Amino acid sequence: MIPGSKIKEELIEKISHTENEELLSQIARLVHLESEIEDVYHLSPEEREAVNEGLTQIKNGQFLTNEEINAKFDKWLKR
């Protein structure tokens, strides 16, 4: 296996000499995706608690279906 720094050197060399726009576009897309992966949102304790509360409510059947919500909205809008 090639060490990381050697891979970087080889990639930089090949990228700097290519004129293939499609290849460069795909490399840019991959690099962009990598940076998005690093941008992970971490929930605050309050947000985590709210999510857990919602999951517990779902587990206990304390939710409305989409159809039930639509019916409530229809009734509310007719008032």
Protein backbone atom coordinates (compact mmCIF):
# COMPACT_ATOMS: atom_id res chain seq x y z
CA MET A 1 0.00 0.00 0.00
CA ILE A 2 1.24 3.48 -0.85
CA PRO A 3 1.65 5.83 2.13
CA GLY A 4 -0.79 8.77 2.24
CA SER A 5 1.75 11.47 1.43
CA LYS A 6 2.97 9.52 -1.62
CA ILE A 7 -0.61 9.17 -2.88
CA LYS A 8 -1.11 12.92 -2.46
CA GLU A 9 2.07 13.65 -4.41
CA GLU A 10 1.02 11.35 -7.24
CA LEU A 11 -2.49 12.82 -7.38
CA ILE A 12 -1.18 16.39 -7.37
CA GLU A 13 1.22 15.54 -10.17
CA LYS A 14 -1.46 13.88 -12.32
CA ILE A 15 -4.04 16.60 -11.64
CA SER A 16 -1.60 19.36 -12.50
CA HIS A 17 -0.86 17.78 -15.89
CA THR A 18 -4.34 16.78 -17.01
CA GLU A 19 -6.47 18.79 -19.39
CA ASN A 20 -9.45 16.47 -18.97
CA GLU A 21 -12.23 18.79 -17.75
CA GLU A 22 -14.57 15.91 -16.92
CA LEU A 23 -11.92 14.25 -14.75
CA LEU A 24 -11.17 17.53 -12.99
CA SER A 25 -14.88 18.11 -12.43
CA GLN A 26 -15.29 14.65 -10.89
CA ILE A 27 -12.26 15.14 -8.65
CA ALA A 28 -13.65 18.49 -7.49
CA ARG A 29 -17.01 16.83 -6.76
CA LEU A 30 -15.32 14.12 -4.68
CA VAL A 31 -13.28 16.65 -2.74
CA HIS A 32 -16.43 18.66 -2.09
CA LEU A 33 -18.28 15.55 -0.88
CA GLU A 34 -15.38 14.76 1.46
CA SER A 35 -15.62 18.23 3.02
CA GLU A 36 -19.39 17.80 3.49
CA ILE A 37 -18.85 14.52 5.32
CA GLU A 38 -16.60 16.30 7.80
CA ASP A 39 -19.35 18.87 8.51
CA VAL A 40 -21.34 16.63 10.85
CA TYR A 41 -23.94 18.39 12.95
CA HIS A 42 -23.83 17.42 16.60
CA LEU A 43 -27.04 17.66 18.58
CA SER A 44 -27.09 19.65 21.78
CA PRO A 45 -28.26 17.82 24.91
CA GLU A 46 -31.63 19.59 24.59
CA GLU A 47 -32.01 18.56 20.94
CA ARG A 48 -31.03 14.97 21.75
CA GLU A 49 -33.62 14.93 24.54
CA ALA A 50 -36.31 16.26 22.19
CA VAL A 51 -35.49 13.60 19.59
CA ASN A 52 -35.60 10.85 22.22
CA GLU A 53 -38.93 12.19 23.49
CA GLY A 54 -40.32 12.07 19.95
CA LEU A 55 -39.09 8.52 19.44
CA THR A 56 -40.71 7.47 22.71
CA GLN A 57 -43.99 9.08 21.63
CA ILE A 58 -43.88 7.20 18.34
CA LYS A 59 -43.14 3.95 20.15
CA ASN A 60 -46.17 4.59 22.42
CA GLY A 61 -48.45 5.34 19.45
CA GLN A 62 -48.71 9.04 20.32
CA PHE A 63 -48.71 10.42 16.79
CA LEU A 64 -51.05 11.37 13.98
CA THR A 65 -50.86 10.05 10.45
CA ASN A 66 -50.49 12.37 7.50
CA GLU A 67 -54.15 11.78 6.63
CA GLU A 68 -55.25 12.68 10.17
CA ILE A 69 -53.24 15.91 10.08
CA ASN A 70 -54.66 16.81 6.67
CA ALA A 71 -58.20 16.24 7.98
CA LYS A 72 -57.48 18.50 10.97
CA PHE A 73 -56.10 21.21 8.67
CA ASP A 74 -59.13 20.91 6.37
CA LYS A 75 -61.47 21.25 9.35
CA TRP A 76 -59.48 24.19 10.71
CA LEU A 77 -59.44 25.99 7.35
CA LYS A 78 -63.23 25.63 6.96
CA ARG A 79 -63.89 27.55 10.20
